[in-house]
Amino acid sequence: VTEAKPRVFKKDYGDLDCDDKTRYVDVALATSAA
C-alpha cells in the first residue's frame, strides 16, 4: 500500500535476495490482510 504496487514474496534464488530472512508469519499476514 505504501508504494501502491503489487508485491510478491519469493524464496530467494538466482539473483533474488530480498525475502529469505523474512518470517513465515509476516508473509502470511501480508498476503491475507483483506
PDB file of all heavy atoms in Angstrom:
ATOM      1  N   VAL A   1       0.826  -1.212   0.000  1.00  0.00           N
ATOM      2  CA  VAL A   1       0.000   0.000   0.000  1.00  0.00           C
ATOM      3  C   VAL A   1       0.854   1.252   0.000  1.00  0.00           C
ATOM      4  O   VAL A   1       0.557   2.230  -0.700  1.00  0.00           O
ATOM      5  CB  VAL A   1      -0.943   0.002   1.223  1.00  0.00           C
ATOM      6  CG1 VAL A   1      -1.729   1.307   1.302  1.00  0.00           C
ATOM      7  CG2 VAL A   1      -1.900  -1.176   1.156  1.00  0.00           C
ATOM      8  N   THR A   2       1.930   1.256   0.767  1.00  0.00           N
ATOM      9  CA  THR A   2       2.738   2.459   0.913  1.00  0.00           C
ATOM     10  C   THR A   2       3.476   2.849  -0.366  1.00  0.00           C
ATOM     11  O   THR A   2       3.939   3.976  -0.494  1.00  0.00           O
ATOM     12  CB  THR A   2       3.750   2.289   2.066  1.00  0.00           C
ATOM     13  OG1 THR A   2       4.248   0.942   2.069  1.00  0.00           O
ATOM     14  CG2 THR A   2       3.089   2.550   3.398  1.00  0.00           C
ATOM     15  N   GLU A   3       3.588   1.936  -1.315  1.00  0.00           N
ATOM     16  CA  GLU A   3       4.189   2.269  -2.606  1.00  0.00           C
ATOM     17  C   GLU A   3       3.220   2.041  -3.762  1.00  0.00           C
ATOM     18  O   GLU A   3       3.596   2.182  -4.929  1.00  0.00           O
ATOM     19  CB  GLU A   3       5.475   1.462  -2.821  1.00  0.00           C
ATOM     20  CG  GLU A   3       6.579   1.831  -1.841  1.00  0.00           C
ATOM     21  CD  GLU A   3       7.915   1.195  -2.188  1.00  0.00           C
ATOM     22  OE1 GLU A   3       8.058   0.712  -3.337  1.00  0.00           O
ATOM     23  OE2 GLU A   3       8.795   1.178  -1.321  1.00  0.00           O
ATOM     24  N   ALA A   4       1.985   1.638  -3.428  1.00  0.00           N
ATOM     25  CA  ALA A   4       0.922   1.463  -4.428  1.00  0.00           C
ATOM     26  C   ALA A   4       1.336   0.543  -5.569  1.00  0.00           C
ATOM     27  O   ALA A   4       1.231   0.882  -6.749  1.00  0.00           O
ATOM     28  CB  ALA A   4       0.467   2.821  -4.982  1.00  0.00           C
ATOM     29  N   LYS A   5       1.799  -0.669  -5.187  1.00  0.00           N
ATOM     30  CA  LYS A   5       2.191  -1.610  -6.232  1.00  0.00           C
ATOM     31  C   LYS A   5       2.107  -3.046  -5.701  1.00  0.00           C
ATOM     32  O   LYS A   5       2.212  -3.282  -4.489  1.00  0.00           O
ATOM     33  CB  LYS A   5       3.603  -1.332  -6.723  1.00  0.00           C
ATOM     34  CG  LYS A   5       4.689  -1.532  -5.690  1.00  0.00           C
ATOM     35  CD  LYS A   5       6.062  -1.213  -6.277  1.00  0.00           C
ATOM     36  CE  LYS A   5       7.187  -1.481  -5.282  1.00  0.00           C
ATOM     37  NZ  LYS A   5       8.511  -1.138  -5.844  1.00  0.00           N
ATOM     38  N   PRO A   6       1.909  -3.996  -6.599  1.00  0.00           N
ATOM     39  CA  PRO A   6       1.916  -5.397  -6.177  1.00  0.00           C
ATOM     40  C   PRO A   6       3.270  -5.781  -5.603  1.00  0.00           C
ATOM     41  O   PRO A   6       4.311  -5.243  -5.997  1.00  0.00           O
ATOM     42  CB  PRO A   6       1.635  -6.163  -7.471  1.00  0.00           C
ATOM     43  CG  PRO A   6       0.957  -5.177  -8.360  1.00  0.00           C
ATOM     44  CD  PRO A   6       1.584  -3.860  -8.031  1.00  0.00           C
ATOM     45  N   ARG A   7       3.233  -6.723  -4.677  1.00  0.00           N
ATOM     46  CA  ARG A   7       4.478  -7.245  -4.085  1.00  0.00           C
ATOM     47  C   ARG A   7       4.344  -8.758  -3.969  1.00  0.00           C
ATOM     48  O   ARG A   7       3.364  -9.256  -3.425  1.00  0.00           O
ATOM     49  CB  ARG A   7       4.707  -6.635  -2.709  1.00  0.00           C
ATOM     50  CG  ARG A   7       5.896  -7.218  -1.919  1.00  0.00           C
ATOM     51  CD  ARG A   7       7.219  -6.895  -2.615  1.00  0.00           C
ATOM     52  NE  ARG A   7       8.350  -6.939  -1.710  1.00  0.00           N
ATOM     53  CZ  ARG A   7       9.059  -8.046  -1.429  1.00  0.00           C
ATOM     54  NH1 ARG A   7       8.699  -9.212  -1.975  1.00  0.00           N
ATOM     55  NH2 ARG A   7      10.098  -7.987  -0.623  1.00  0.00           N
ATOM     56  N   VAL A   8       5.307  -9.479  -4.507  1.00  0.00           N
ATOM     57  CA  VAL A   8       5.304 -10.939  -4.442  1.00  0.00           C
ATOM     58  C   VAL A   8       6.472 -11.383  -3.570  1.00  0.00           C
ATOM     59  O   VAL A   8       7.630 -11.088  -3.878  1.00  0.00           O
ATOM     60  CB  VAL A   8       5.413 -11.571  -5.841  1.00  0.00           C
ATOM     61  CG1 VAL A   8       5.377 -13.095  -5.733  1.00  0.00           C
ATOM     62  CG2 VAL A   8       4.291 -11.079  -6.746  1.00  0.00           C
ATOM     63  N   PHE A   9       6.171 -12.091  -2.490  1.00  0.00           N
ATOM     64  CA  PHE A   9       7.213 -12.639  -1.635  1.00  0.00           C
ATOM     65  C   PHE A   9       7.698 -13.951  -2.245  1.00  0.00           C
ATOM     66  O   PHE A   9       6.901 -14.804  -2.628  1.00  0.00           O
ATOM     67  CB  PHE A   9       6.677 -12.882  -0.221  1.00  0.00           C
ATOM     68  CG  PHE A   9       6.286 -11.605   0.490  1.00  0.00           C
ATOM     69  CD1 PHE A   9       4.969 -11.172   0.477  1.00  0.00           C
ATOM     70  CD2 PHE A   9       7.235 -10.843   1.149  1.00  0.00           C
ATOM     71  CE1 PHE A   9       4.600 -10.002   1.120  1.00  0.00           C
ATOM     72  CE2 PHE A   9       6.884  -9.661   1.795  1.00  0.00           C
ATOM     73  CZ  PHE A   9       5.566  -9.236   1.777  1.00  0.00           C
ATOM     74  N   LYS A  10       9.045 -14.100  -2.316  1.00  0.00           N
ATOM     75  CA  LYS A  10       9.619 -15.252  -3.004  1.00  0.00           C
ATOM     76  C   LYS A  10      10.745 -15.870  -2.182  1.00  0.00           C
ATOM     77  O   LYS A  10      11.437 -15.174  -1.436  1.00  0.00           O
ATOM     78  CB  LYS A  10      10.188 -14.828  -4.369  1.00  0.00           C
ATOM     79  CG  LYS A  10       9.192 -14.123  -5.287  1.00  0.00           C
ATOM     80  CD  LYS A  10       9.873 -13.602  -6.545  1.00  0.00           C
ATOM     81  CE  LYS A  10       8.915 -12.820  -7.415  1.00  0.00           C
ATOM     82  NZ  LYS A  10       9.584 -12.274  -8.630  1.00  0.00           N
ATOM     83  N   LYS A  11      10.897 -17.165  -2.359  1.00  0.00           N
ATOM     84  CA  LYS A  11      12.108 -17.820  -1.873  1.00  0.00           C
ATOM     85  C   LYS A  11      13.261 -17.320  -2.725  1.00  0.00           C
ATOM     86  O   LYS A  11      13.190 -17.318  -3.954  1.00  0.00           O
ATOM     87  CB  LYS A  11      11.960 -19.338  -2.022  1.00  0.00           C
ATOM     88  CG  LYS A  11      13.232 -20.130  -1.784  1.00  0.00           C
ATOM     89  CD  LYS A  11      13.523 -20.287  -0.321  1.00  0.00           C
ATOM     90  CE  LYS A  11      14.693 -21.259  -0.101  1.00  0.00           C
ATOM     91  NZ  LYS A  11      15.990 -20.719  -0.553  1.00  0.00           N
ATOM     92  N   ASP A  12      14.338 -16.850  -2.086  1.00  0.00           N
ATOM     93  CA  ASP A  12      15.465 -16.322  -2.844  1.00  0.00           C
ATOM     94  C   ASP A  12      16.091 -17.399  -3.724  1.00  0.00           C
ATOM     95  O   ASP A  12      16.301 -18.541  -3.284  1.00  0.00           O
ATOM     96  CB  ASP A  12      16.541 -15.791  -1.893  1.00  0.00           C
ATOM     97  CG  ASP A  12      16.114 -14.513  -1.171  1.00  0.00           C
ATOM     98  OD1 ASP A  12      15.028 -13.994  -1.488  1.00  0.00           O
ATOM     99  OD2 ASP A  12      16.870 -14.053  -0.303  1.00  0.00           O
ATOM    100  N   TYR A  13      16.379 -17.036  -4.963  1.00  0.00           N
ATOM    101  CA  TYR A  13      17.106 -17.913  -5.882  1.00  0.00           C
ATOM    102  C   TYR A  13      17.635 -17.058  -7.015  1.00  0.00           C
ATOM    103  O   TYR A  13      17.150 -15.945  -7.259  1.00  0.00           O
ATOM    104  CB  TYR A  13      16.206 -19.030  -6.416  1.00  0.00           C
ATOM    105  CG  TYR A  13      15.160 -18.590  -7.428  1.00  0.00           C
ATOM    106  CD1 TYR A  13      15.340 -18.832  -8.789  1.00  0.00           C
ATOM    107  CD2 TYR A  13      13.995 -17.945  -7.025  1.00  0.00           C
ATOM    108  CE1 TYR A  13      14.383 -18.442  -9.716  1.00  0.00           C
ATOM    109  CE2 TYR A  13      13.035 -17.556  -7.941  1.00  0.00           C
ATOM    110  CZ  TYR A  13      13.232 -17.803  -9.291  1.00  0.00           C
ATOM    111  OH  TYR A  13      12.287 -17.409 -10.201  1.00  0.00           O
ATOM    112  N   GLY A  14      18.658 -17.556  -7.695  1.00  0.00           N
ATOM    113  CA  GLY A  14      19.235 -16.766  -8.779  1.00  0.00           C
ATOM    114  C   GLY A  14      19.717 -15.425  -8.261  1.00  0.00           C
ATOM    115  O   GLY A  14      20.506 -15.356  -7.315  1.00  0.00           O
ATOM    116  N   ASP A  15      19.217 -14.344  -8.865  1.00  0.00           N
ATOM    117  CA  ASP A  15      19.628 -13.007  -8.436  1.00  0.00           C
ATOM    118  C   ASP A  15      18.668 -12.397  -7.413  1.00  0.00           C
ATOM    119  O   ASP A  15      18.773 -11.215  -7.086  1.00  0.00           O
ATOM    120  CB  ASP A  15      19.762 -12.082  -9.646  1.00  0.00           C
ATOM    121  CG  ASP A  15      18.453 -11.939 -10.422  1.00  0.00           C
ATOM    122  OD1 ASP A  15      17.481 -12.662 -10.099  1.00  0.00           O
ATOM    123  OD2 ASP A  15      18.395 -11.121 -11.357  1.00  0.00           O
ATOM    124  N   LEU A  16      17.720 -13.198  -6.893  1.00  0.00           N
ATOM    125  CA  LEU A  16      16.793 -12.704  -5.879  1.00  0.00           C
ATOM    126  C   LEU A  16      17.408 -12.857  -4.497  1.00  0.00           C
ATOM    127  O   LEU A  16      17.891 -13.937  -4.139  1.00  0.00           O
ATOM    128  CB  LEU A  16      15.468 -13.479  -5.945  1.00  0.00           C
ATOM    129  CG  LEU A  16      14.671 -13.369  -7.246  1.00  0.00           C
ATOM    130  CD1 LEU A  16      13.459 -14.284  -7.198  1.00  0.00           C
ATOM    131  CD2 LEU A  16      14.247 -11.939  -7.499  1.00  0.00           C
ATOM    132  N   ASP A  17      17.379 -11.795  -3.708  1.00  0.00           N
ATOM    133  CA  ASP A  17      17.953 -11.869  -2.365  1.00  0.00           C
ATOM    134  C   ASP A  17      17.190 -10.970  -1.375  1.00  0.00           C
ATOM    135  O   ASP A  17      17.773 -10.371  -0.492  1.00  0.00           O
ATOM    136  CB  ASP A  17      19.435 -11.493  -2.389  1.00  0.00           C
ATOM    137  CG  ASP A  17      19.682 -10.072  -2.882  1.00  0.00           C
ATOM    138  OD1 ASP A  17      18.700  -9.394  -3.275  1.00  0.00           O
ATOM    139  OD2 ASP A  17      20.838  -9.630  -2.863  1.00  0.00           O
ATOM    140  N   CYS A  18      15.851 -10.924  -1.524  1.00  0.00           N
ATOM    141  CA  CYS A  18      15.055  -9.979  -0.740  1.00  0.00           C
ATOM    142  C   CYS A  18      14.342 -10.583   0.465  1.00  0.00           C
ATOM    143  O   CYS A  18      14.148  -9.906   1.475  1.00  0.00           O
ATOM    144  CB  CYS A  18      13.995  -9.314  -1.631  1.00  0.00           C
ATOM    145  SG  CYS A  18      14.662  -8.341  -2.978  1.00  0.00           S
ATOM    146  N   ASP A  19      13.921 -11.839   0.361  1.00  0.00           N
ATOM    147  CA  ASP A  19      12.916 -12.329   1.306  1.00  0.00           C
ATOM    148  C   ASP A  19      13.334 -13.503   2.187  1.00  0.00           C
ATOM    149  O   ASP A  19      12.580 -13.894   3.074  1.00  0.00           O
ATOM    150  CB  ASP A  19      11.647 -12.737   0.538  1.00  0.00           C
ATOM    151  CG  ASP A  19      11.014 -11.563  -0.187  1.00  0.00           C
ATOM    152  OD1 ASP A  19      11.119 -10.440   0.323  1.00  0.00           O
ATOM    153  OD2 ASP A  19      10.418 -11.784  -1.254  1.00  0.00           O
ATOM    154  N   ASP A  20      14.506 -14.071   1.989  1.00  0.00           N
ATOM    155  CA  ASP A  20      14.871 -15.270   2.739  1.00  0.00           C
ATOM    156  C   ASP A  20      14.903 -15.055   4.251  1.00  0.00           C
ATOM    157  O   ASP A  20      14.699 -15.989   5.026  1.00  0.00           O
ATOM    158  CB  ASP A  20      16.234 -15.804   2.285  1.00  0.00           C
ATOM    159  CG  ASP A  20      16.101 -16.882   1.223  1.00  0.00           C
ATOM    160  OD1 ASP A  20      14.976 -17.072   0.714  1.00  0.00           O
ATOM    161  OD2 ASP A  20      17.110 -17.536   0.899  1.00  0.00           O
ATOM    162  N   LYS A  21      15.136 -13.832   4.694  1.00  0.00           N
ATOM    163  CA  LYS A  21      15.216 -13.551   6.127  1.00  0.00           C
ATOM    164  C   LYS A  21      13.883 -13.068   6.712  1.00  0.00           C
ATOM    165  O   LYS A  21      13.811 -12.691   7.879  1.00  0.00           O
ATOM    166  CB  LYS A  21      16.307 -12.523   6.401  1.00  0.00           C
ATOM    167  CG  LYS A  21      17.708 -13.034   6.076  1.00  0.00           C
ATOM    168  CD  LYS A  21      18.774 -12.010   6.399  1.00  0.00           C
ATOM    169  CE  LYS A  21      20.167 -12.546   6.067  1.00  0.00           C
ATOM    170  NZ  LYS A  21      21.235 -11.548   6.356  1.00  0.00           N
ATOM    171  N   THR A  22      12.835 -13.129   5.901  1.00  0.00           N
ATOM    172  CA  THR A  22      11.502 -12.725   6.346  1.00  0.00           C
ATOM    173  C   THR A  22      10.796 -13.890   7.020  1.00  0.00           C
ATOM    174  O   THR A  22      10.874 -15.026   6.541  1.00  0.00           O
ATOM    175  CB  THR A  22      10.649 -12.241   5.159  1.00  0.00           C
ATOM    176  OG1 THR A  22      11.360 -11.225   4.457  1.00  0.00           O
ATOM    177  CG2 THR A  22       9.320 -11.678   5.639  1.00  0.00           C
ATOM    178  N   ARG A  23      10.102 -13.627   8.100  1.00  0.00           N
ATOM    179  CA  ARG A  23       9.400 -14.688   8.824  1.00  0.00           C
ATOM    180  C   ARG A  23       8.175 -15.155   8.047  1.00  0.00           C
ATOM    181  O   ARG A  23       7.490 -14.367   7.399  1.00  0.00           O
ATOM    182  CB  ARG A  23       8.962 -14.199  10.202  1.00  0.00           C
ATOM    183  CG  ARG A  23      10.076 -13.832  11.148  1.00  0.00           C
ATOM    184  CD  ARG A  23       9.560 -13.667  12.560  1.00  0.00           C
ATOM    185  NE  ARG A  23       8.354 -12.841  12.604  1.00  0.00           N
ATOM    186  CZ  ARG A  23       7.404 -12.952  13.542  1.00  0.00           C
ATOM    187  NH1 ARG A  23       7.517 -13.851  14.490  1.00  0.00           N
ATOM    188  NH2 ARG A  23       6.348 -12.158  13.515  1.00  0.00           N
ATOM    189  N   TYR A  24       7.920 -16.443   8.126  1.00  0.00           N
ATOM    190  CA  TYR A  24       6.707 -17.003   7.534  1.00  0.00           C
ATOM    191  C   TYR A  24       5.468 -16.283   8.056  1.00  0.00           C
ATOM    192  O   TYR A  24       4.528 -15.995   7.298  1.00  0.00           O
ATOM    193  CB  TYR A  24       6.607 -18.497   7.861  1.00  0.00           C
ATOM    194  CG  TYR A  24       7.179 -19.400   6.806  1.00  0.00           C
ATOM    195  CD1 TYR A  24       8.560 -19.481   6.609  1.00  0.00           C
ATOM    196  CD2 TYR A  24       6.359 -20.179   6.003  1.00  0.00           C
ATOM    197  CE1 TYR A  24       9.090 -20.324   5.645  1.00  0.00           C
ATOM    198  CE2 TYR A  24       6.879 -21.024   5.042  1.00  0.00           C
ATOM    199  CZ  TYR A  24       8.250 -21.093   4.858  1.00  0.00           C
ATOM    200  OH  TYR A  24       8.769 -21.920   3.894  1.00  0.00           O
ATOM    201  N   VAL A  25       5.440 -16.002   9.342  1.00  0.00           N
ATOM    202  CA  VAL A  25       4.276 -15.344   9.948  1.00  0.00           C
ATOM    203  C   VAL A  25       4.020 -13.991   9.289  1.00  0.00           C
ATOM    204  O   VAL A  25       2.871 -13.647   8.982  1.00  0.00           O
ATOM    205  CB  VAL A  25       4.475 -15.168  11.463  1.00  0.00           C
ATOM    206  CG1 VAL A  25       3.381 -14.277  12.055  1.00  0.00           C
ATOM    207  CG2 VAL A  25       4.472 -16.531  12.168  1.00  0.00           C
ATOM    208  N   ASP A  26       5.069 -13.236   9.033  1.00  0.00           N
ATOM    209  CA  ASP A  26       4.901 -11.908   8.445  1.00  0.00           C
ATOM    210  C   ASP A  26       4.392 -11.982   7.010  1.00  0.00           C
ATOM    211  O   ASP A  26       3.537 -11.188   6.597  1.00  0.00           O
ATOM    212  CB  ASP A  26       6.219 -11.137   8.495  1.00  0.00           C
ATOM    213  CG  ASP A  26       6.596 -10.713   9.902  1.00  0.00           C
ATOM    214  OD1 ASP A  26       5.680 -10.567  10.736  1.00  0.00           O
ATOM    215  OD2 ASP A  26       7.795 -10.521  10.170  1.00  0.00           O
ATOM    216  N   VAL A  27       4.912 -12.932   6.234  1.00  0.00           N
ATOM    217  CA  VAL A  27       4.427 -13.097   4.860  1.00  0.00           C
ATOM    218  C   VAL A  27       2.963 -13.531   4.869  1.00  0.00           C
ATOM    219  O   VAL A  27       2.147 -13.047   4.076  1.00  0.00           O
ATOM    220  CB  VAL A  27       5.294 -14.120   4.095  1.00  0.00           C
ATOM    221  CG1 VAL A  27       4.684 -14.424   2.731  1.00  0.00           C
ATOM    222  CG2 VAL A  27       6.709 -13.596   3.931  1.00  0.00           C
ATOM    223  N   ALA A  28       2.618 -14.430   5.785  1.00  0.00           N
ATOM    224  CA  ALA A  28       1.224 -14.893   5.888  1.00  0.00           C
ATOM    225  C   ALA A  28       0.286 -13.747   6.217  1.00  0.00           C
ATOM    226  O   ALA A  28      -0.814 -13.644   5.663  1.00  0.00           O
ATOM    227  CB  ALA A  28       1.130 -15.992   6.947  1.00  0.00           C
ATOM    228  N   LEU A  29       0.699 -12.869   7.114  1.00  0.00           N
ATOM    229  CA  LEU A  29      -0.131 -11.709   7.465  1.00  0.00           C
ATOM    230  C   LEU A  29      -0.257 -10.750   6.285  1.00  0.00           C
ATOM    231  O   LEU A  29      -1.334 -10.210   6.033  1.00  0.00           O
ATOM    232  CB  LEU A  29       0.462 -10.980   8.666  1.00  0.00           C
ATOM    233  CG  LEU A  29       0.354 -11.689  10.017  1.00  0.00           C
ATOM    234  CD1 LEU A  29       1.194 -10.972  11.067  1.00  0.00           C
ATOM    235  CD2 LEU A  29      -1.100 -11.766  10.472  1.00  0.00           C
ATOM    236  N   ALA A  30       0.833 -10.556   5.561  1.00  0.00           N
ATOM    237  CA  ALA A  30       0.821  -9.607   4.445  1.00  0.00           C
ATOM    238  C   ALA A  30      -0.075 -10.067   3.306  1.00  0.00           C
ATOM    239  O   ALA A  30      -0.749  -9.252   2.663  1.00  0.00           O
ATOM    240  CB  ALA A  30       2.243  -9.391   3.924  1.00  0.00           C
ATOM    241  N   THR A  31      -0.101 -11.356   3.035  1.00  0.00           N
ATOM    242  CA  THR A  31      -0.911 -11.841   1.910  1.00  0.00           C
ATOM    243  C   THR A  31      -2.383 -11.973   2.269  1.00  0.00           C
ATOM    244  O   THR A  31      -3.228 -12.062   1.375  1.00  0.00           O
ATOM    245  CB  THR A  31      -0.385 -13.196   1.398  1.00  0.00           C
ATOM    246  OG1 THR A  31      -1.021 -13.511   0.153  1.00  0.00           O
ATOM    247  CG2 THR A  31      -0.635 -14.332   2.378  1.00  0.00           C
ATOM    248  N   SER A  32      -2.724 -11.987   3.572  1.00  0.00           N
ATOM    249  CA  SER A  32      -4.111 -12.265   3.982  1.00  0.00           C
ATOM    250  C   SER A  32      -4.817 -11.101   4.667  1.00  0.00           C
ATOM    251  O   SER A  32      -5.907 -11.278   5.204  1.00  0.00           O
ATOM    252  CB  SER A  32      -4.132 -13.485   4.920  1.00  0.00           C
ATOM    253  OG  SER A  32      -3.350 -13.252   6.072  1.00  0.00           O
ATOM    254  N   ALA A  33      -4.224  -9.906   4.611  1.00  0.00           N
ATOM    255  CA  ALA A  33      -4.824  -8.740   5.267  1.00  0.00           C
ATOM    256  C   ALA A  33      -5.920  -8.147   4.379  1.00  0.00           C
ATOM    257  O   ALA A  33      -5.760  -7.089   3.761  1.00  0.00           O
ATOM    258  CB  ALA A  33      -3.748  -7.698   5.576  1.00  0.00           C
ATOM    259  N   ALA A  34      -7.053  -8.834   4.322  1.00  0.00           N
ATOM    260  CA  ALA A  34      -8.155  -8.424   3.437  1.00  0.00           C
ATOM    261  C   ALA A  34      -8.728  -7.072   3.856  1.00  0.00           C
ATOM    262  O   ALA A  34      -9.110  -6.902   5.017  1.00  0.00           O
ATOM    263  CB  ALA A  34      -9.252  -9.483   3.463  1.00  0.00           C
TER     264      ALA A  34
END
